[in-house]
Amino acid sequence: MAKYLGVYATACLTRRQLQELVAKLMEPGEVCCEKAYAGIVSGVLVCLFTAPSREALDEFQKQHGMVAEHLWRIDLESQDGQLTSV
């Protein structure tokens, strides 16, 4: 399954709303958020997703009312100091 990294603006969300959103994103399913990082002061959420396709991720984001400022497919990741295919 492919991995994607998305960046989202969250300036209007409270910490509680952000927590609820992240909990929903991490629910098991066809598309799932593996990891989330939030900057409360900067109003940004960075998520690492697994998804079968970009189209599936786009639909998932739409269902959750999310519009990515940036979205990248991840092709390589580091493992023990080496880059390996995802």
PDB file of N, CA and C in Angstrom:
ATOM      1  N   MET A   1       0.838  -1.176   0.000  1.00  0.00           N
ATOM      2  CA  MET A   1       0.000   0.000   0.000  1.00  0.00           C
ATOM      3  C   MET A   1       0.886   1.243   0.000  1.00  0.00           C
ATOM      4  N   ALA A   2       0.483   2.245  -0.727  1.00  0.00           N
ATOM      5  CA  ALA A   2       1.267   3.475  -0.855  1.00  0.00           C
ATOM      6  C   ALA A   2       1.172   4.321   0.416  1.00  0.00           C
ATOM      7  N   LYS A   3       2.205   5.147   0.623  1.00  0.00           N
ATOM      8  CA  LYS A   3       2.219   6.087   1.738  1.00  0.00           C
ATOM      9  C   LYS A   3       2.195   7.503   1.195  1.00  0.00           C
ATOM     10  N   TYR A   4       1.513   8.376   1.925  1.00  0.00           N
ATOM     11  CA  TYR A   4       1.391   9.781   1.537  1.00  0.00           C
ATOM     12  C   TYR A   4       1.617  10.652   2.759  1.00  0.00           C
ATOM     13  N   LEU A   5       2.187  11.817   2.540  1.00  0.00           N
ATOM     14  CA  LEU A   5       2.395  12.795   3.596  1.00  0.00           C
ATOM     15  C   LEU A   5       1.581  14.032   3.234  1.00  0.00           C
ATOM     16  N   GLY A   6       0.679  14.421   4.136  1.00  0.00           N
ATOM     17  CA  GLY A   6      -0.179  15.569   3.888  1.00  0.00           C
ATOM     18  C   GLY A   6      -0.003  16.640   4.952  1.00  0.00           C
ATOM     19  N   VAL A   7      -0.112  17.900   4.533  1.00  0.00           N
ATOM     20  CA  VAL A   7      -0.013  19.047   5.440  1.00  0.00           C
ATOM     21  C   VAL A   7      -1.336  19.810   5.360  1.00  0.00           C
ATOM     22  N   TYR A   8      -1.919  20.102   6.526  1.00  0.00           N
ATOM     23  CA  TYR A   8      -3.240  20.718   6.608  1.00  0.00           C
ATOM     24  C   TYR A   8      -3.228  21.901   7.571  1.00  0.00           C
ATOM     25  N   ALA A   9      -3.980  22.944   7.241  1.00  0.00           N
ATOM     26  CA  ALA A   9      -4.132  24.095   8.134  1.00  0.00           C
ATOM     27  C   ALA A   9      -5.197  23.756   9.176  1.00  0.00           C
ATOM     28  N   THR A  10      -4.881  24.037  10.440  1.00  0.00           N
ATOM     29  CA  THR A  10      -5.815  23.735  11.532  1.00  0.00           C
ATOM     30  C   THR A  10      -5.963  24.912  12.485  1.00  0.00           C
ATOM     31  N   ALA A  11      -5.692  26.103  12.003  1.00  0.00           N
ATOM     32  CA  ALA A  11      -5.684  27.283  12.867  1.00  0.00           C
ATOM     33  C   ALA A  11      -7.011  27.500  13.584  1.00  0.00           C
ATOM     34  N   CYS A  12      -8.115  27.077  12.990  1.00  0.00           N
ATOM     35  CA  CYS A  12      -9.419  27.321  13.603  1.00  0.00           C
ATOM     36  C   CYS A  12      -9.852  26.214  14.563  1.00  0.00           C
ATOM     37  N   LEU A  13      -9.071  25.159  14.697  1.00  0.00           N
ATOM     38  CA  LEU A  13      -9.452  24.041  15.565  1.00  0.00           C
ATOM     39  C   LEU A  13      -8.870  24.184  16.966  1.00  0.00           C
ATOM     40  N   THR A  14      -9.685  23.834  17.959  1.00  0.00           N
ATOM     41  CA  THR A  14      -9.187  23.772  19.328  1.00  0.00           C
ATOM     42  C   THR A  14      -8.399  22.479  19.490  1.00  0.00           C
ATOM     43  N   ARG A  15      -7.683  22.360  20.572  1.00  0.00           N
ATOM     44  CA  ARG A  15      -6.929  21.125  20.833  1.00  0.00           C
ATOM     45  C   ARG A  15      -7.872  19.925  20.892  1.00  0.00           C
ATOM     46  N   ARG A  16      -9.028  20.104  21.499  1.00  0.00           N
ATOM     47  CA  ARG A  16      -9.999  19.012  21.610  1.00  0.00           C
ATOM     48  C   ARG A  16     -10.521  18.601  20.225  1.00  0.00           C
ATOM     49  N   GLN A  17     -10.836  19.581  19.384  1.00  0.00           N
ATOM     50  CA  GLN A  17     -11.305  19.276  18.038  1.00  0.00           C
ATOM     51  C   GLN A  17     -10.216  18.578  17.226  1.00  0.00           C
ATOM     52  N   LEU A  18      -8.996  19.011  17.412  1.00  0.00           N
ATOM     53  CA  LEU A  18      -7.863  18.394  16.733  1.00  0.00           C
ATOM     54  C   LEU A  18      -7.704  16.944  17.184  1.00  0.00           C
ATOM     55  N   GLN A  19      -7.840  16.699  18.478  1.00  0.00           N
ATOM     56  CA  GLN A  19      -7.753  15.335  19.013  1.00  0.00           C
ATOM     57  C   GLN A  19      -8.839  14.449  18.420  1.00  0.00           C
ATOM     58  N   GLU A  20     -10.060  14.975  18.332  1.00  0.00           N
ATOM     59  CA  GLU A  20     -11.168  14.202  17.776  1.00  0.00           C
ATOM     60  C   GLU A  20     -10.937  13.891  16.299  1.00  0.00           C
ATOM     61  N   LEU A  21     -10.422  14.858  15.549  1.00  0.00           N
ATOM     62  CA  LEU A  21     -10.124  14.652  14.137  1.00  0.00           C
ATOM     63  C   LEU A  21      -9.060  13.575  13.962  1.00  0.00           C
ATOM     64  N   VAL A  22      -7.989  13.671  14.704  1.00  0.00           N
ATOM     65  CA  VAL A  22      -6.906  12.692  14.591  1.00  0.00           C
ATOM     66  C   VAL A  22      -7.399  11.295  14.956  1.00  0.00           C
ATOM     67  N   ALA A  23      -8.231  11.189  15.979  1.00  0.00           N
ATOM     68  CA  ALA A  23      -8.791   9.879  16.361  1.00  0.00           C
ATOM     69  C   ALA A  23      -9.604   9.286  15.206  1.00  0.00           C
ATOM     70  N   LYS A  24     -10.391  10.107  14.512  1.00  0.00           N
ATOM     71  CA  LYS A  24     -11.172   9.631  13.361  1.00  0.00           C
ATOM     72  C   LYS A  24     -10.258   9.207  12.213  1.00  0.00           C
ATOM     73  N   LEU A  25      -9.213   9.986  11.968  1.00  0.00           N
ATOM     74  CA  LEU A  25      -8.293   9.684  10.872  1.00  0.00           C
ATOM     75  C   LEU A  25      -7.558   8.369  11.099  1.00  0.00           C
ATOM     76  N   MET A  26      -7.364   8.006  12.355  1.00  0.00           N
ATOM     77  CA  MET A  26      -6.595   6.803  12.684  1.00  0.00           C
ATOM     78  C   MET A  26      -7.457   5.547  12.808  1.00  0.00           C
ATOM     79  N   GLU A  27      -8.756   5.680  12.608  1.00  0.00           N
ATOM     80  CA  GLU A  27      -9.616   4.498  12.644  1.00  0.00           C
ATOM     81  C   GLU A  27      -9.240   3.561  11.506  1.00  0.00           C
ATOM     82  N   PRO A  28      -9.243   2.253  11.768  1.00  0.00           N
ATOM     83  CA  PRO A  28      -8.885   1.297  10.711  1.00  0.00           C
ATOM     84  C   PRO A  28      -9.836   1.406   9.513  1.00  0.00           C
ATOM     85  N   GLY A  29      -9.288   1.241   8.336  1.00  0.00           N
ATOM     86  CA  GLY A  29     -10.080   1.295   7.116  1.00  0.00           C
ATOM     87  C   GLY A  29      -9.187   1.204   5.902  1.00  0.00           C
ATOM     88  N   GLU A  30      -9.773   1.406   4.727  1.00  0.00           N
ATOM     89  CA  GLU A  30      -9.012   1.345   3.483  1.00  0.00           C
ATOM     90  C   GLU A  30      -7.887   2.382   3.479  1.00  0.00           C
ATOM     91  N   VAL A  31      -8.199   3.573   3.972  1.00  0.00           N
ATOM     92  CA  VAL A  31      -7.213   4.643   4.139  1.00  0.00           C
ATOM     93  C   VAL A  31      -7.068   4.886   5.634  1.00  0.00           C
ATOM     94  N   CYS A  32      -5.837   5.022   6.109  1.00  0.00           N
ATOM     95  CA  CYS A  32      -5.613   5.216   7.538  1.00  0.00           C
ATOM     96  C   CYS A  32      -4.423   6.137   7.772  1.00  0.00           C
ATOM     97  N   CYS A  33      -4.568   6.981   8.771  1.00  0.00           N
ATOM     98  CA  CYS A  33      -3.464   7.838   9.192  1.00  0.00           C
ATOM     99  C   CYS A  33      -2.594   7.030  10.151  1.00  0.00           C
ATOM    100  N   GLU A  34      -1.346   6.809   9.778  1.00  0.00           N
ATOM    101  CA  GLU A  34      -0.417   6.060  10.624  1.00  0.00           C
ATOM    102  C   GLU A  34       0.126   6.918  11.762  1.00  0.00           C
ATOM    103  N   LYS A  35       0.373   8.194  11.453  1.00  0.00           N
ATOM    104  CA  LYS A  35       1.017   9.087  12.409  1.00  0.00           C
ATOM    105  C   LYS A  35       0.561  10.503  12.118  1.00  0.00           C
ATOM    106  N   ALA A  36       0.397  11.291  13.173  1.00  0.00           N
ATOM    107  CA  ALA A  36       0.007  12.692  13.007  1.00  0.00           C
ATOM    108  C   ALA A  36       0.876  13.558  13.906  1.00  0.00           C
ATOM    109  N   TYR A  37       1.232  14.715  13.386  1.00  0.00           N
ATOM    110  CA  TYR A  37       2.016  15.701  14.122  1.00  0.00           C
ATOM    111  C   TYR A  37       1.272  17.025  14.029  1.00  0.00           C
ATOM    112  N   ALA A  38       1.111  17.703  15.148  1.00  0.00           N
ATOM    113  CA  ALA A  38       0.368  18.967  15.144  1.00  0.00           C
ATOM    114  C   ALA A  38       1.203  20.076  15.763  1.00  0.00           C
ATOM    115  N   GLY A  39       1.109  21.250  15.157  1.00  0.00           N
ATOM    116  CA  GLY A  39       1.709  22.456  15.705  1.00  0.00           C
ATOM    117  C   GLY A  39       0.570  23.374  16.131  1.00  0.00           C
ATOM    118  N   ILE A  40       0.299  23.440  17.422  1.00  0.00           N
ATOM    119  CA  ILE A  40      -0.815  24.239  17.920  1.00  0.00           C
ATOM    120  C   ILE A  40      -0.605  25.717  17.597  1.00  0.00           C
ATOM    121  N   VAL A  41       0.567  26.231  17.877  1.00  0.00           N
ATOM    122  CA  VAL A  41       0.849  27.653  17.658  1.00  0.00           C
ATOM    123  C   VAL A  41       0.839  27.989  16.167  1.00  0.00           C
ATOM    124  N   SER A  42       1.429  27.123  15.345  1.00  0.00           N
ATOM    125  CA  SER A  42       1.500  27.395  13.903  1.00  0.00           C
ATOM    126  C   SER A  42       0.227  26.985  13.164  1.00  0.00           C
ATOM    127  N   GLY A  43      -0.667  26.253  13.834  1.00  0.00           N
ATOM    128  CA  GLY A  43      -1.932  25.861  13.214  1.00  0.00           C
ATOM    129  C   GLY A  43      -1.768  24.925  12.038  1.00  0.00           C
ATOM    130  N   VAL A  44      -0.967  23.877  12.229  1.00  0.00           N
ATOM    131  CA  VAL A  44      -0.708  22.938  11.137  1.00  0.00           C
ATOM    132  C   VAL A  44      -0.801  21.500  11.650  1.00  0.00           C
ATOM    133  N   LEU A  45      -1.284  20.628  10.775  1.00  0.00           N
ATOM    134  CA  LEU A  45      -1.353  19.201  11.052  1.00  0.00           C
ATOM    135  C   LEU A  45      -0.636  18.489   9.924  1.00  0.00           C
ATOM    136  N   VAL A  46       0.300  17.605  10.249  1.00  0.00           N
ATOM    137  CA  VAL A  46       1.029  16.807   9.271  1.00  0.00           C
ATOM    138  C   VAL A  46       0.662  15.349   9.517  1.00  0.00           C
ATOM    139  N   CYS A  47       0.192  14.677   8.480  1.00  0.00           N
ATOM    140  CA  CYS A  47      -0.254  13.290   8.628  1.00  0.00           C
ATOM    141  C   CYS A  47       0.463  12.371   7.645  1.00  0.00           C
ATOM    142  N   LEU A  48       0.797  11.192   8.130  1.00  0.00           N
ATOM    143  CA  LEU A  48       1.338  10.122   7.296  1.00  0.00           C
ATOM    144  C   LEU A  48       0.217   9.108   7.085  1.00  0.00           C
ATOM    145  N   PHE A  49      -0.202   8.937   5.832  1.00  0.00           N
ATOM    146  CA  PHE A  49      -1.302   8.037   5.495  1.00  0.00           C
ATOM    147  C   PHE A  49      -0.814   6.821   4.734  1.00  0.00           C
ATOM    148  N   THR A  50      -1.555   5.725   4.865  1.00  0.00           N
ATOM    149  CA  THR A  50      -1.438   4.599   3.946  1.00  0.00           C
ATOM    150  C   THR A  50      -2.754   4.551   3.182  1.00  0.00           C
ATOM    151  N   ALA A  51      -2.660   4.337   1.878  1.00  0.00           N
ATOM    152  CA  ALA A  51      -3.846   4.303   1.029  1.00  0.00           C
ATOM    153  C   ALA A  51      -3.554   3.468  -0.212  1.00  0.00           C
ATOM    154  N   PRO A  52      -4.575   2.802  -0.743  1.00  0.00           N
ATOM    155  CA  PRO A  52      -4.346   1.998  -1.951  1.00  0.00           C
ATOM    156  C   PRO A  52      -4.092   2.844  -3.188  1.00  0.00           C
ATOM    157  N   SER A  53      -4.572   4.106  -3.180  1.00  0.00           N
ATOM    158  CA  SER A  53      -4.380   4.983  -4.341  1.00  0.00           C
ATOM    159  C   SER A  53      -4.570   6.434  -3.917  1.00  0.00           C
ATOM    160  N   ARG A  54      -4.128   7.335  -4.773  1.00  0.00           N
ATOM    161  CA  ARG A  54      -4.320   8.766  -4.538  1.00  0.00           C
ATOM    162  C   ARG A  54      -5.819   9.097  -4.541  1.00  0.00           C
ATOM    163  N   GLU A  55      -6.556   8.440  -5.416  1.00  0.00           N
ATOM    164  CA  GLU A  55      -7.994   8.676  -5.507  1.00  0.00           C
ATOM    165  C   GLU A  55      -8.696   8.291  -4.211  1.00  0.00           C
ATOM    166  N   ALA A  56      -8.292   7.166  -3.614  1.00  0.00           N
ATOM    167  CA  ALA A  56      -8.877   6.731  -2.346  1.00  0.00           C
ATOM    168  C   ALA A  56      -8.558   7.733  -1.243  1.00  0.00           C
ATOM    169  N   LEU A  57      -7.336   8.258  -1.236  1.00  0.00           N
ATOM    170  CA  LEU A  57      -6.952   9.256  -0.243  1.00  0.00           C
ATOM    171  C   LEU A  57      -7.727  10.554  -0.459  1.00  0.00           C
ATOM    172  N   ASP A  58      -7.892  10.965  -1.710  1.00  0.00           N
ATOM    173  CA  ASP A  58      -8.663  12.180  -2.011  1.00  0.00           C
ATOM    174  C   ASP A  58     -10.097  12.049  -1.487  1.00  0.00           C
ATOM    175  N   GLU A  59     -10.710  10.896  -1.695  1.00  0.00           N
ATOM    176  CA  GLU A  59     -12.077  10.663  -1.215  1.00  0.00           C
ATOM    177  C   GLU A  59     -12.125  10.675   0.321  1.00  0.00           C
ATOM    178  N   PHE A  60     -11.138  10.065   0.949  1.00  0.00           N
ATOM    179  CA  PHE A  60     -11.041  10.042   2.415  1.00  0.00           C
ATOM    180  C   PHE A  60     -10.947  11.464   2.961  1.00  0.00           C
ATOM    181  N   GLN A  61     -10.087  12.271   2.356  1.00  0.00           N
ATOM    182  CA  GLN A  61      -9.939  13.663   2.791  1.00  0.00           C
ATOM    183  C   GLN A  61     -11.255  14.420   2.629  1.00  0.00           C
ATOM    184  N   LYS A  62     -11.923  14.200   1.518  1.00  0.00           N
ATOM    185  CA  LYS A  62     -13.204  14.864   1.252  1.00  0.00           C
ATOM    186  C   LYS A  62     -14.236  14.482   2.316  1.00  0.00           C
ATOM    187  N   GLN A  63     -14.297  13.207   2.656  1.00  0.00           N
ATOM    188  CA  GLN A  63     -15.244  12.728   3.676  1.00  0.00           C
ATOM    189  C   GLN A  63     -14.991  13.367   5.031  1.00  0.00           C
ATOM    190  N   HIS A  64     -13.735  13.727   5.313  1.00  0.00           N
ATOM    191  CA  HIS A  64     -13.368  14.316   6.599  1.00  0.00           C
ATOM    192  C   HIS A  64     -13.240  15.846   6.535  1.00  0.00           C
ATOM    193  N   GLY A  65     -13.621  16.429   5.398  1.00  0.00           N
ATOM    194  CA  GLY A  65     -13.586  17.877   5.250  1.00  0.00           C
ATOM    195  C   GLY A  65     -12.187  18.460   5.271  1.00  0.00           C
ATOM    196  N   MET A  66     -11.234  17.702   4.764  1.00  0.00           N
ATOM    197  CA  MET A  66      -9.833  18.123   4.784  1.00  0.00           C
ATOM    198  C   MET A  66      -9.368  18.547   3.400  1.00  0.00           C
ATOM    199  N   VAL A  67      -8.659  19.660   3.336  1.00  0.00           N
ATOM    200  CA  VAL A  67      -8.054  20.129   2.098  1.00  0.00           C
ATOM    201  C   VAL A  67      -6.559  20.295   2.370  1.00  0.00           C
ATOM    202  N   ALA A  68      -5.776  19.503   1.678  1.00  0.00           N
ATOM    203  CA  ALA A  68      -4.323  19.527   1.906  1.00  0.00           C
ATOM    204  C   ALA A  68      -3.692  20.775   1.312  1.00  0.00           C
ATOM    205  N   GLU A  69      -2.812  21.396   2.090  1.00  0.00           N
ATOM    206  CA  GLU A  69      -1.984  22.478   1.551  1.00  0.00           C
ATOM    207  C   GLU A  69      -0.883  21.889   0.689  1.00  0.00           C
ATOM    208  N   HIS A  70      -0.391  20.729   1.095  1.00  0.00           N
ATOM    209  CA  HIS A  70       0.625  19.980   0.357  1.00  0.00           C
ATOM    210  C   HIS A  70       0.332  18.500   0.549  1.00  0.00           C
ATOM    211  N   LEU A  71       0.576  17.710  -0.482  1.00  0.00           N
ATOM    212  CA  LEU A  71       0.368  16.271  -0.398  1.00  0.00           C
ATOM    213  C   LEU A  71       1.388  15.594  -1.308  1.00  0.00           C
ATOM    214  N   TRP A  72       2.145  14.678  -0.739  1.00  0.00           N
ATOM    215  CA  TRP A  72       3.183  13.974  -1.488  1.00  0.00           C
ATOM    216  C   TRP A  72       3.029  12.471  -1.317  1.00  0.00           C
ATOM    217  N   ARG A  73       3.271  11.743  -2.397  1.00  0.00           N
ATOM    218  CA  ARG A  73       3.402  10.290  -2.309  1.00  0.00           C
ATOM    219  C   ARG A  73       4.835  10.002  -1.873  1.00  0.00           C
ATOM    220  N   ILE A  74       4.982   9.099  -0.935  1.00  0.00           N
ATOM    221  CA  ILE A  74       6.303   8.726  -0.415  1.00  0.00           C
ATOM    222  C   ILE A  74       6.757   7.454  -1.145  1.00  0.00           C
ATOM    223  N   ASP A  75       7.896   7.539  -1.816  1.00  0.00           N
ATOM    224  CA  ASP A  75       8.418   6.393  -2.563  1.00  0.00           C
ATOM    225  C   ASP A  75       9.535   5.662  -1.822  1.00  0.00           C
ATOM    226  N   LEU A  76      10.310   6.427  -1.027  1.00  0.00           N
ATOM    227  CA  LEU A  76      11.446   5.855  -0.301  1.00  0.00           C
ATOM    228  C   LEU A  76      11.383   6.277   1.158  1.00  0.00           C
ATOM    229  N   GLU A  77      11.837   5.408   2.051  1.00  0.00           N
ATOM    230  CA  GLU A  77      11.949   5.754   3.464  1.00  0.00           C
ATOM    231  C   GLU A  77      13.243   5.172   4.019  1.00  0.00           C
ATOM    232  N   SER A  78      13.711   5.757   5.113  1.00  0.00           N
ATOM    233  CA  SER A  78      14.974   5.279   5.690  1.00  0.00           C
ATOM    234  C   SER A  78      14.719   4.099   6.626  1.00  0.00           C
ATOM    235  N   GLN A  79      15.604   3.125   6.529  1.00  0.00           N
ATOM    236  CA  GLN A  79      15.612   1.948   7.402  1.00  0.00           C
ATOM    237  C   GLN A  79      17.060   1.669   7.754  1.00  0.00           C
ATOM    238  N   ASP A  80      17.414   1.863   9.009  1.00  0.00           N
ATOM    239  CA  ASP A  80      18.780   1.602   9.462  1.00  0.00           C
ATOM    240  C   ASP A  80      19.817   2.344   8.616  1.00  0.00           C
ATOM    241  N   GLY A  81      19.525   3.607   8.283  1.00  0.00           N
ATOM    242  CA  GLY A  81      20.468   4.435   7.545  1.00  0.00           C
ATOM    243  C   GLY A  81      20.457   4.219   6.040  1.00  0.00           C
ATOM    244  N   GLN A  82      19.577   3.376   5.555  1.00  0.00           N
ATOM    245  CA  GLN A  82      19.482   3.107   4.115  1.00  0.00           C
ATOM    246  C   GLN A  82      18.098   3.504   3.597  1.00  0.00           C
ATOM    247  N   LEU A  83      18.039   4.012   2.369  1.00  0.00           N
ATOM    248  CA  LEU A  83      16.766   4.297   1.750  1.00  0.00           C
ATOM    249  C   LEU A  83      16.224   3.028   1.108  1.00  0.00           C
ATOM    250  N   THR A  84      14.983   2.702   1.412  1.00  0.00           N
ATOM    251  CA  THR A  84      14.336   1.516   0.856  1.00  0.00           C
ATOM    252  C   THR A  84      13.011   1.915   0.241  1.00  0.00           C
ATOM    253  N   SER A  85      12.555   1.143  -0.704  1.00  0.00           N
ATOM    254  CA  SER A  85      11.251   1.396  -1.335  1.00  0.00           C
ATOM    255  C   SER A  85      10.133   1.149  -0.346  1.00  0.00           C
ATOM    256  N   VAL A  86       9.105   1.971  -0.463  1.00  0.00           N
ATOM    257  CA  VAL A  86       7.927   1.822   0.407  1.00  0.00           C
ATOM    258  C   VAL A  86       7.037   0.751  -0.183  1.00  0.00           C
TER     259      VAL A  86
END
